[in-house]
């Protein structure tokens, strides 16, 4: 069994690496663990982590790679047609894989820090803002005509703003609790359950049509890839414009619903 805090130690097997870096409290997180991680990325990440531990790169350095991969995901969408969308889809999965490994490197070397959490937030916030911005550029038919293109780029920027605000609500909860002297929230589904019966029913109903989950980078790249396939048939700008026009009002609805759900839950109660 390795000694935590020994930054020079290396695992002797993948099983040992999993035991230290993927404890139950990590695999069973309700909110911090994306469904792709639970489905298959946590099965793959130890192999990447194994390679990273053979180098001198720090956990924060791995997070830096995650940030660059995320930005590359958005940049890939500047490539017109299906090619750019499929590349973004691949890079979106790679970003989540690296995101799994940075925490595993930190847990193995016992180097978890607020700086690492901050960098992780930077990576996800910026990536999930850049993707809709570039999606607006795609919808404008880049390179676009100024007289018509600005409508779609404005939609893209508006979508990015709403997505970032929606993400920020969760962090606002933690800030509000910390400033009120309350304990840190446990990452359990029960903490997010609304206290009102009607809101609880609406929340359960939303699980059958989880459009509020569409705005993560992984889901966005999947939707953009599917739209690019449709665009090959009906025309790329038309398909992208329908997508942006549909995502924006749904994003406002998700933001409003998220706000109401937070206010109705015990997360912001003393």
C-alpha atoms as a PDB file:
ATOM      1  CA  UNK A   1       0.000   0.000   0.000  1.00  0.00           C
ATOM      2  CA  UNK A   2       1.538   3.328  -1.016  1.00  0.00           C
ATOM      3  CA  UNK A   3       2.055   6.072   1.504  1.00  0.00           C
ATOM      4  CA  UNK A   4      -0.001   9.169   0.703  1.00  0.00           C
ATOM      5  CA  UNK A   5       2.129  12.253   0.350  1.00  0.00           C
ATOM      6  CA  UNK A   6       5.071  10.427  -1.221  1.00  0.00           C
ATOM      7  CA  UNK A   7       5.157  12.388  -4.485  1.00  0.00           C
ATOM      8  CA  UNK A   8       7.927  10.201  -5.915  1.00  0.00           C
ATOM      9  CA  UNK A   9       6.059   6.930  -5.362  1.00  0.00           C
ATOM     10  CA  UNK A  10       4.535   5.123  -8.317  1.00  0.00           C
ATOM     11  CA  UNK A  11       1.791   2.506  -8.346  1.00  0.00           C
ATOM     12  CA  UNK A  12       2.768  -1.089  -8.877  1.00  0.00           C
ATOM     13  CA  UNK A  13      -0.508  -2.012 -10.546  1.00  0.00           C
ATOM     14  CA  UNK A  14      -3.641  -0.469 -12.034  1.00  0.00           C
ATOM     15  CA  UNK A  15      -5.655  -2.106  -9.245  1.00  0.00           C
ATOM     16  CA  UNK A  16      -3.572  -0.330  -6.611  1.00  0.00           C
ATOM     17  CA  UNK A  17      -3.918   2.945  -8.497  1.00  0.00           C
ATOM     18  CA  UNK A  18      -7.712   2.575  -8.629  1.00  0.00           C
ATOM     19  CA  UNK A  19      -7.872   1.812  -4.911  1.00  0.00           C
ATOM     20  CA  UNK A  20      -6.130   5.042  -3.972  1.00  0.00           C
ATOM     21  CA  UNK A  21      -7.387   7.407  -6.663  1.00  0.00           C
ATOM     22  CA  UNK A  22     -10.977   6.204  -7.113  1.00  0.00           C
ATOM     23  CA  UNK A  23     -12.367   5.728  -3.594  1.00  0.00           C
ATOM     24  CA  UNK A  24     -16.152   5.285  -3.172  1.00  0.00           C
ATOM     25  CA  UNK A  25     -16.632   8.935  -2.224  1.00  0.00           C
ATOM     26  CA  UNK A  26     -15.327   9.863  -5.683  1.00  0.00           C
ATOM     27  CA  UNK A  27     -17.205   7.271  -7.742  1.00  0.00           C
ATOM     28  CA  UNK A  28     -20.487   7.907  -5.899  1.00  0.00           C
ATOM     29  CA  UNK A  29     -20.577  11.697  -6.129  1.00  0.00           C
ATOM     30  CA  UNK A  30     -23.999  12.888  -7.248  1.00  0.00           C
ATOM     31  CA  UNK A  31     -23.045  16.156  -8.928  1.00  0.00           C
ATOM     32  CA  UNK A  32     -19.286  16.311  -9.453  1.00  0.00           C
ATOM     33  CA  UNK A  33     -19.115  13.050 -11.403  1.00  0.00           C
ATOM     34  CA  UNK A  34     -20.264  13.399 -15.016  1.00  0.00           C
ATOM     35  CA  UNK A  35     -22.228  10.483 -16.460  1.00  0.00           C
ATOM     36  CA  UNK A  36     -19.478   9.746 -18.991  1.00  0.00           C
ATOM     37  CA  UNK A  37     -17.053   9.266 -16.100  1.00  0.00           C
ATOM     38  CA  UNK A  38     -19.397   6.813 -14.409  1.00  0.00           C
ATOM     39  CA  UNK A  39     -20.124   5.049 -17.689  1.00  0.00           C
ATOM     40  CA  UNK A  40     -16.623   4.464 -19.011  1.00  0.00           C
ATOM     41  CA  UNK A  41     -14.061   7.257 -18.462  1.00  0.00           C
ATOM     42  CA  UNK A  42     -13.199   6.138 -14.924  1.00  0.00           C
ATOM     43  CA  UNK A  43     -12.399   2.744 -16.419  1.00  0.00           C
ATOM     44  CA  UNK A  44      -9.948   4.350 -18.843  1.00  0.00           C
ATOM     45  CA  UNK A  45      -8.488   7.174 -16.751  1.00  0.00           C
ATOM     46  CA  UNK A  46      -6.179   5.030 -14.566  1.00  0.00           C
ATOM     47  CA  UNK A  47      -4.194   4.079 -17.670  1.00  0.00           C
ATOM     48  CA  UNK A  48      -3.660   7.753 -18.535  1.00  0.00           C
ATOM     49  CA  UNK A  49      -2.917   8.527 -14.882  1.00  0.00           C
ATOM     50  CA  UNK A  50      -0.375   5.667 -14.839  1.00  0.00           C
ATOM     51  CA  UNK A  51       1.505   7.329 -17.722  1.00  0.00           C
ATOM     52  CA  UNK A  52       1.289  10.785 -16.149  1.00  0.00           C
ATOM     53  CA  UNK A  53       2.726   9.494 -12.858  1.00  0.00           C
ATOM     54  CA  UNK A  54       5.816   8.375 -14.751  1.00  0.00           C
ATOM     55  CA  UNK A  55       6.514  12.042 -15.475  1.00  0.00           C
ATOM     56  CA  UNK A  56       7.169  15.000 -13.205  1.00  0.00           C
ATOM     57  CA  UNK A  57       4.021  16.850 -14.242  1.00  0.00           C
ATOM     58  CA  UNK A  58       1.956  18.111 -11.323  1.00  0.00           C
ATOM     59  CA  UNK A  59      -1.779  17.652 -10.878  1.00  0.00           C
ATOM     60  CA  UNK A  60      -2.227  21.352 -11.671  1.00  0.00           C
ATOM     61  CA  UNK A  61      -0.158  20.834 -14.808  1.00  0.00           C
ATOM     62  CA  UNK A  62      -2.561  18.083 -15.870  1.00  0.00           C
ATOM     63  CA  UNK A  63      -5.449  20.465 -15.220  1.00  0.00           C
ATOM     64  CA  UNK A  64      -3.686  22.962 -17.478  1.00  0.00           C
ATOM     65  CA  UNK A  65      -3.699  20.340 -20.225  1.00  0.00           C
ATOM     66  CA  UNK A  66      -7.409  19.811 -19.583  1.00  0.00           C
ATOM     67  CA  UNK A  67      -8.010  23.542 -20.069  1.00  0.00           C
ATOM     68  CA  UNK A  68      -6.108  23.578 -23.368  1.00  0.00           C
ATOM     69  CA  UNK A  69      -8.013  20.533 -24.631  1.00  0.00           C
ATOM     70  CA  UNK A  70     -11.271  22.272 -23.729  1.00  0.00           C
ATOM     71  CA  UNK A  71     -10.314  25.404 -25.639  1.00  0.00           C
ATOM     72  CA  UNK A  72      -9.257  23.226 -28.571  1.00  0.00           C
ATOM     73  CA  UNK A  73     -12.707  21.648 -28.487  1.00  0.00           C
ATOM     74  CA  UNK A  74     -14.293  25.017 -29.120  1.00  0.00           C
ATOM     75  CA  UNK A  75     -11.670  25.966 -31.715  1.00  0.00           C
ATOM     76  CA  UNK A  76     -12.355  22.744 -33.640  1.00  0.00           C
ATOM     77  CA  UNK A  77     -15.892  23.963 -34.307  1.00  0.00           C
ATOM     78  CA  UNK A  78     -14.433  26.733 -36.478  1.00  0.00           C
ATOM     79  CA  UNK A  79     -13.704  23.982 -39.009  1.00  0.00           C
ATOM     80  CA  UNK A  80     -16.814  23.924 -41.211  1.00  0.00           C
ATOM     81  CA  UNK A  81     -19.024  20.901 -41.672  1.00  0.00           C
ATOM     82  CA  UNK A  82     -18.993  17.463 -40.107  1.00  0.00           C
ATOM     83  CA  UNK A  83     -15.204  17.330 -39.770  1.00  0.00           C
ATOM     84  CA  UNK A  84     -14.990  20.118 -37.219  1.00  0.00           C
ATOM     85  CA  UNK A  85     -17.999  18.833 -35.286  1.00  0.00           C
ATOM     86  CA  UNK A  86     -16.594  15.298 -35.046  1.00  0.00           C
ATOM     87  CA  UNK A  87     -13.187  16.600 -33.973  1.00  0.00           C
ATOM     88  CA  UNK A  88     -14.887  18.681 -31.259  1.00  0.00           C
ATOM     89  CA  UNK A  89     -16.820  15.604 -30.144  1.00  0.00           C
ATOM     90  CA  UNK A  90     -13.574  13.646 -29.791  1.00  0.00           C
ATOM     91  CA  UNK A  91     -11.790  16.479 -27.979  1.00  0.00           C
ATOM     92  CA  UNK A  92     -14.758  16.932 -25.622  1.00  0.00           C
ATOM     93  CA  UNK A  93     -14.393  13.311 -24.531  1.00  0.00           C
ATOM     94  CA  UNK A  94     -10.632  13.743 -24.201  1.00  0.00           C
ATOM     95  CA  UNK A  95     -11.102  16.788 -21.986  1.00  0.00           C
ATOM     96  CA  UNK A  96     -13.279  14.770 -19.611  1.00  0.00           C
ATOM     97  CA  UNK A  97     -10.717  11.947 -19.582  1.00  0.00           C
ATOM     98  CA  UNK A  98      -7.929  14.344 -18.635  1.00  0.00           C
ATOM     99  CA  UNK A  99     -10.297  15.903 -16.082  1.00  0.00           C
ATOM    100  CA  UNK A 100     -10.592  12.500 -14.420  1.00  0.00           C
ATOM    101  CA  UNK A 101      -6.827  12.031 -14.392  1.00  0.00           C
ATOM    102  CA  UNK A 102      -5.872  15.368 -12.843  1.00  0.00           C
ATOM    103  CA  UNK A 103      -7.776  14.496  -9.681  1.00  0.00           C
ATOM    104  CA  UNK A 104      -6.298  11.010  -9.671  1.00  0.00           C
ATOM    105  CA  UNK A 105      -2.766  12.407  -9.900  1.00  0.00           C
ATOM    106  CA  UNK A 106      -3.577  14.782  -7.026  1.00  0.00           C
ATOM    107  CA  UNK A 107      -5.016  11.986  -4.864  1.00  0.00           C
ATOM    108  CA  UNK A 108      -2.071   9.643  -5.517  1.00  0.00           C
ATOM    109  CA  UNK A 109       0.521  12.303  -4.707  1.00  0.00           C
ATOM    110  CA  UNK A 110      -1.642  13.874  -1.987  1.00  0.00           C
ATOM    111  CA  UNK A 111      -1.308  17.299  -3.610  1.00  0.00           C
ATOM    112  CA  UNK A 112      -4.945  18.373  -3.674  1.00  0.00           C
ATOM    113  CA  UNK A 113      -5.213  22.155  -3.274  1.00  0.00           C
ATOM    114  CA  UNK A 114      -7.582  25.116  -3.722  1.00  0.00           C
ATOM    115  CA  UNK A 115      -5.483  26.126  -6.736  1.00  0.00           C
ATOM    116  CA  UNK A 116      -6.344  22.844  -8.410  1.00  0.00           C
ATOM    117  CA  UNK A 117     -10.063  23.322  -7.764  1.00  0.00           C
ATOM    118  CA  UNK A 118      -9.827  26.877  -9.098  1.00  0.00           C
ATOM    119  CA  UNK A 119      -8.070  25.777 -12.281  1.00  0.00           C
ATOM    120  CA  UNK A 120     -10.656  23.040 -12.785  1.00  0.00           C
ATOM    121  CA  UNK A 121     -13.422  25.640 -12.569  1.00  0.00           C
ATOM    122  CA  UNK A 122     -11.572  27.867 -15.054  1.00  0.00           C
ATOM    123  CA  UNK A 123     -11.345  24.969 -17.487  1.00  0.00           C
ATOM    124  CA  UNK A 124     -15.028  24.094 -17.401  1.00  0.00           C
ATOM    125  CA  UNK A 125     -16.358  27.653 -17.293  1.00  0.00           C
ATOM    126  CA  UNK A 126     -14.259  28.858 -20.212  1.00  0.00           C
ATOM    127  CA  UNK A 127     -14.849  25.772 -22.350  1.00  0.00           C
ATOM    128  CA  UNK A 128     -18.596  25.841 -21.837  1.00  0.00           C
ATOM    129  CA  UNK A 129     -18.645  29.552 -22.684  1.00  0.00           C
ATOM    130  CA  UNK A 130     -16.455  29.259 -25.783  1.00  0.00           C
ATOM    131  CA  UNK A 131     -18.417  26.392 -27.373  1.00  0.00           C
ATOM    132  CA  UNK A 132     -21.718  28.318 -27.734  1.00  0.00           C
ATOM    133  CA  UNK A 133     -19.832  31.421 -28.884  1.00  0.00           C
ATOM    134  CA  UNK A 134     -18.224  29.425 -31.685  1.00  0.00           C
ATOM    135  CA  UNK A 135     -21.550  27.720 -32.362  1.00  0.00           C
ATOM    136  CA  UNK A 136     -22.985  31.183 -33.011  1.00  0.00           C
ATOM    137  CA  UNK A 137     -20.151  31.804 -35.462  1.00  0.00           C
ATOM    138  CA  UNK A 138     -20.963  28.514 -37.207  1.00  0.00           C
ATOM    139  CA  UNK A 139     -24.624  29.511 -37.381  1.00  0.00           C
ATOM    140  CA  UNK A 140     -23.626  32.801 -38.989  1.00  0.00           C
ATOM    141  CA  UNK A 141     -21.911  30.814 -41.752  1.00  0.00           C
ATOM    142  CA  UNK A 142     -18.328  31.811 -40.957  1.00  0.00           C
ATOM    143  CA  UNK A 143     -16.938  33.827 -42.703  1.00  0.00           C
ATOM    144  CA  UNK A 144     -20.258  35.630 -42.453  1.00  0.00           C
ATOM    145  CA  UNK A 145     -21.965  38.655 -43.920  1.00  0.00           C
ATOM    146  CA  UNK A 146     -22.036  41.506 -41.399  1.00  0.00           C
ATOM    147  CA  UNK A 147     -25.641  42.454 -42.164  1.00  0.00           C
ATOM    148  CA  UNK A 148     -27.045  39.048 -41.130  1.00  0.00           C
ATOM    149  CA  UNK A 149     -24.265  37.274 -39.253  1.00  0.00           C
ATOM    150  CA  UNK A 150     -24.301  39.428 -36.150  1.00  0.00           C
ATOM    151  CA  UNK A 151     -27.742  38.138 -35.196  1.00  0.00           C
ATOM    152  CA  UNK A 152     -26.404  34.603 -34.804  1.00  0.00           C
ATOM    153  CA  UNK A 153     -23.146  35.588 -33.139  1.00  0.00           C
ATOM    154  CA  UNK A 154     -25.218  37.623 -30.669  1.00  0.00           C
ATOM    155  CA  UNK A 155     -27.331  34.538 -30.012  1.00  0.00           C
ATOM    156  CA  UNK A 156     -24.125  32.569 -29.412  1.00  0.00           C
ATOM    157  CA  UNK A 157     -22.793  35.109 -26.912  1.00  0.00           C
ATOM    158  CA  UNK A 158     -26.182  35.251 -25.174  1.00  0.00           C
ATOM    159  CA  UNK A 159     -26.250  31.468 -24.913  1.00  0.00           C
ATOM    160  CA  UNK A 160     -22.731  31.483 -23.456  1.00  0.00           C
ATOM    161  CA  UNK A 161     -23.750  34.070 -20.853  1.00  0.00           C
ATOM    162  CA  UNK A 162     -26.803  32.096 -19.733  1.00  0.00           C
ATOM    163  CA  UNK A 163     -24.798  28.853 -19.537  1.00  0.00           C
ATOM    164  CA  UNK A 164     -22.121  30.523 -17.387  1.00  0.00           C
ATOM    165  CA  UNK A 165     -24.759  32.065 -15.118  1.00  0.00           C
ATOM    166  CA  UNK A 166     -26.400  28.665 -14.709  1.00  0.00           C
ATOM    167  CA  UNK A 167     -23.072  27.088 -13.747  1.00  0.00           C
ATOM    168  CA  UNK A 168     -22.316  29.962 -11.394  1.00  0.00           C
ATOM    169  CA  UNK A 169     -25.498  29.350  -9.390  1.00  0.00           C
ATOM    170  CA  UNK A 170     -23.996  26.196  -7.885  1.00  0.00           C
ATOM    171  CA  UNK A 171     -20.849  28.038  -6.867  1.00  0.00           C
ATOM    172  CA  UNK A 172     -22.951  30.888  -5.470  1.00  0.00           C
ATOM    173  CA  UNK A 173     -24.586  28.363  -3.138  1.00  0.00           C
ATOM    174  CA  UNK A 174     -21.198  27.349  -1.730  1.00  0.00           C
ATOM    175  CA  UNK A 175     -20.117  30.984  -1.362  1.00  0.00           C
ATOM    176  CA  UNK A 176     -23.382  31.875   0.383  1.00  0.00           C
ATOM    177  CA  UNK A 177     -23.040  28.962   2.815  1.00  0.00           C
ATOM    178  CA  UNK A 178     -19.390  29.765   3.543  1.00  0.00           C
ATOM    179  CA  UNK A 179     -20.184  33.430   4.164  1.00  0.00           C
ATOM    180  CA  UNK A 180     -22.998  32.388   6.502  1.00  0.00           C
ATOM    181  CA  UNK A 181     -20.733  30.081   8.490  1.00  0.00           C
ATOM    182  CA  UNK A 182     -22.542  26.906   7.388  1.00  0.00           C
ATOM    183  CA  UNK A 183     -20.899  23.559   6.748  1.00  0.00           C
ATOM    184  CA  UNK A 184     -19.881  22.473   3.272  1.00  0.00           C
ATOM    185  CA  UNK A 185     -22.629  20.632   1.432  1.00  0.00           C
ATOM    186  CA  UNK A 186     -22.329  16.896   1.040  1.00  0.00           C
ATOM    187  CA  UNK A 187     -22.466  15.789  -2.597  1.00  0.00           C
ATOM    188  CA  UNK A 188     -25.704  13.825  -2.261  1.00  0.00           C
ATOM    189  CA  UNK A 189     -28.897  14.032  -4.299  1.00  0.00           C
ATOM    190  CA  UNK A 190     -30.965  14.576  -1.160  1.00  0.00           C
ATOM    191  CA  UNK A 191     -29.322  17.967  -0.626  1.00  0.00           C
ATOM    192  CA  UNK A 192     -30.773  19.249  -3.887  1.00  0.00           C
ATOM    193  CA  UNK A 193     -34.306  17.950  -3.435  1.00  0.00           C
ATOM    194  CA  UNK A 194     -36.835  20.827  -3.258  1.00  0.00           C
ATOM    195  CA  UNK A 195     -38.858  20.980  -0.056  1.00  0.00           C
ATOM    196  CA  UNK A 196     -42.138  21.759  -1.857  1.00  0.00           C
ATOM    197  CA  UNK A 197     -44.146  18.791  -3.113  1.00  0.00           C
ATOM    198  CA  UNK A 198     -44.995  20.395  -6.472  1.00  0.00           C
ATOM    199  CA  UNK A 199     -41.397  21.429  -7.154  1.00  0.00           C
ATOM    200  CA  UNK A 200     -40.195  17.968  -6.190  1.00  0.00           C
ATOM    201  CA  UNK A 201     -42.585  16.464  -8.738  1.00  0.00           C
ATOM    202  CA  UNK A 202     -41.413  18.871 -11.418  1.00  0.00           C
ATOM    203  CA  UNK A 203     -37.799  17.991 -10.640  1.00  0.00           C
ATOM    204  CA  UNK A 204     -38.537  14.275 -10.967  1.00  0.00           C
ATOM    205  CA  UNK A 205     -40.387  14.926 -14.239  1.00  0.00           C
ATOM    206  CA  UNK A 206     -37.378  16.832 -15.582  1.00  0.00           C
ATOM    207  CA  UNK A 207     -35.308  13.654 -15.298  1.00  0.00           C
ATOM    208  CA  UNK A 208     -37.337  12.171 -18.150  1.00  0.00           C
ATOM    209  CA  UNK A 209     -36.590  15.209 -20.352  1.00  0.00           C
ATOM    210  CA  UNK A 210     -33.283  16.480 -18.982  1.00  0.00           C
ATOM    211  CA  UNK A 211     -32.795  19.438 -21.332  1.00  0.00           C
ATOM    212  CA  UNK A 212     -31.073  21.239 -18.451  1.00  0.00           C
ATOM    213  CA  UNK A 213     -28.155  18.847 -18.955  1.00  0.00           C
ATOM    214  CA  UNK A 214     -27.600  19.929 -22.568  1.00  0.00           C
ATOM    215  CA  UNK A 215     -25.187  22.709 -21.703  1.00  0.00           C
ATOM    216  CA  UNK A 216     -22.193  20.723 -20.508  1.00  0.00           C
ATOM    217  CA  UNK A 217     -19.351  20.625 -23.036  1.00  0.00           C
ATOM    218  CA  UNK A 218     -19.829  16.891 -23.639  1.00  0.00           C
ATOM    219  CA  UNK A 219     -23.533  17.170 -24.371  1.00  0.00           C
ATOM    220  CA  UNK A 220     -23.040  20.295 -26.456  1.00  0.00           C
ATOM    221  CA  UNK A 221     -20.455  18.630 -28.693  1.00  0.00           C
ATOM    222  CA  UNK A 222     -22.730  15.606 -29.109  1.00  0.00           C
ATOM    223  CA  UNK A 223     -25.617  17.832 -30.163  1.00  0.00           C
ATOM    224  CA  UNK A 224     -23.419  19.852 -32.519  1.00  0.00           C
ATOM    225  CA  UNK A 225     -22.130  16.643 -34.125  1.00  0.00           C
ATOM    226  CA  UNK A 226     -25.681  15.372 -34.678  1.00  0.00           C
ATOM    227  CA  UNK A 227     -26.658  18.773 -36.070  1.00  0.00           C
ATOM    228  CA  UNK A 228     -23.690  18.695 -38.463  1.00  0.00           C
ATOM    229  CA  UNK A 229     -24.942  15.387 -39.875  1.00  0.00           C
ATOM    230  CA  UNK A 230     -28.372  16.946 -40.435  1.00  0.00           C
ATOM    231  CA  UNK A 231     -26.682  20.031 -41.847  1.00  0.00           C
ATOM    232  CA  UNK A 232     -24.989  17.914 -44.500  1.00  0.00           C
ATOM    233  CA  UNK A 233     -28.500  17.221 -45.810  1.00  0.00           C
ATOM    234  CA  UNK A 234     -30.382  20.492 -45.336  1.00  0.00           C
ATOM    235  CA  UNK A 235     -27.460  22.933 -45.267  1.00  0.00           C
ATOM    236  CA  UNK A 236     -25.022  23.605 -42.452  1.00  0.00           C
ATOM    237  CA  UNK A 237     -25.972  27.187 -41.579  1.00  0.00           C
ATOM    238  CA  UNK A 238     -29.672  26.337 -41.481  1.00  0.00           C
ATOM    239  CA  UNK A 239     -29.179  23.390 -39.118  1.00  0.00           C
ATOM    240  CA  UNK A 240     -26.832  25.364 -36.846  1.00  0.00           C
ATOM    241  CA  UNK A 241     -29.264  28.295 -36.738  1.00  0.00           C
ATOM    242  CA  UNK A 242     -32.157  26.058 -35.724  1.00  0.00           C
ATOM    243  CA  UNK A 243     -29.944  24.587 -33.005  1.00  0.00           C
ATOM    244  CA  UNK A 244     -28.880  27.964 -31.574  1.00  0.00           C
ATOM    245  CA  UNK A 245     -32.435  29.298 -31.770  1.00  0.00           C
ATOM    246  CA  UNK A 246     -33.689  26.260 -29.835  1.00  0.00           C
ATOM    247  CA  UNK A 247     -30.920  26.160 -27.236  1.00  0.00           C
ATOM    248  CA  UNK A 248     -31.190  29.792 -26.165  1.00  0.00           C
ATOM    249  CA  UNK A 249     -34.785  29.787 -24.803  1.00  0.00           C
ATOM    250  CA  UNK A 250     -34.252  26.360 -23.268  1.00  0.00           C
ATOM    251  CA  UNK A 251     -31.154  27.740 -21.529  1.00  0.00           C
ATOM    252  CA  UNK A 252     -33.204  30.577 -20.034  1.00  0.00           C
ATOM    253  CA  UNK A 253     -35.768  28.028 -18.854  1.00  0.00           C
ATOM    254  CA  UNK A 254     -33.039  25.864 -17.318  1.00  0.00           C
ATOM    255  CA  UNK A 255     -31.548  28.911 -15.563  1.00  0.00           C
ATOM    256  CA  UNK A 256     -34.904  29.932 -14.092  1.00  0.00           C
ATOM    257  CA  UNK A 257     -35.691  26.381 -13.015  1.00  0.00           C
ATOM    258  CA  UNK A 258     -32.276  25.969 -11.429  1.00  0.00           C
ATOM    259  CA  UNK A 259     -32.686  29.187  -9.461  1.00  0.00           C
ATOM    260  CA  UNK A 260     -36.128  28.178  -8.177  1.00  0.00           C
ATOM    261  CA  UNK A 261     -34.876  24.684  -7.290  1.00  0.00           C
ATOM    262  CA  UNK A 262     -31.995  26.136  -5.256  1.00  0.00           C
ATOM    263  CA  UNK A 263     -34.222  28.557  -3.383  1.00  0.00           C
ATOM    264  CA  UNK A 264     -36.691  25.764  -2.605  1.00  0.00           C
ATOM    265  CA  UNK A 265     -34.044  23.315  -1.372  1.00  0.00           C
ATOM    266  CA  UNK A 266     -32.253  23.112   1.949  1.00  0.00           C
ATOM    267  CA  UNK A 267     -28.958  24.084   0.334  1.00  0.00           C
ATOM    268  CA  UNK A 268     -29.528  27.755   1.139  1.00  0.00           C
ATOM    269  CA  UNK A 269     -31.299  27.226   4.437  1.00  0.00           C
ATOM    270  CA  UNK A 270     -29.574  27.555   7.775  1.00  0.00           C
END
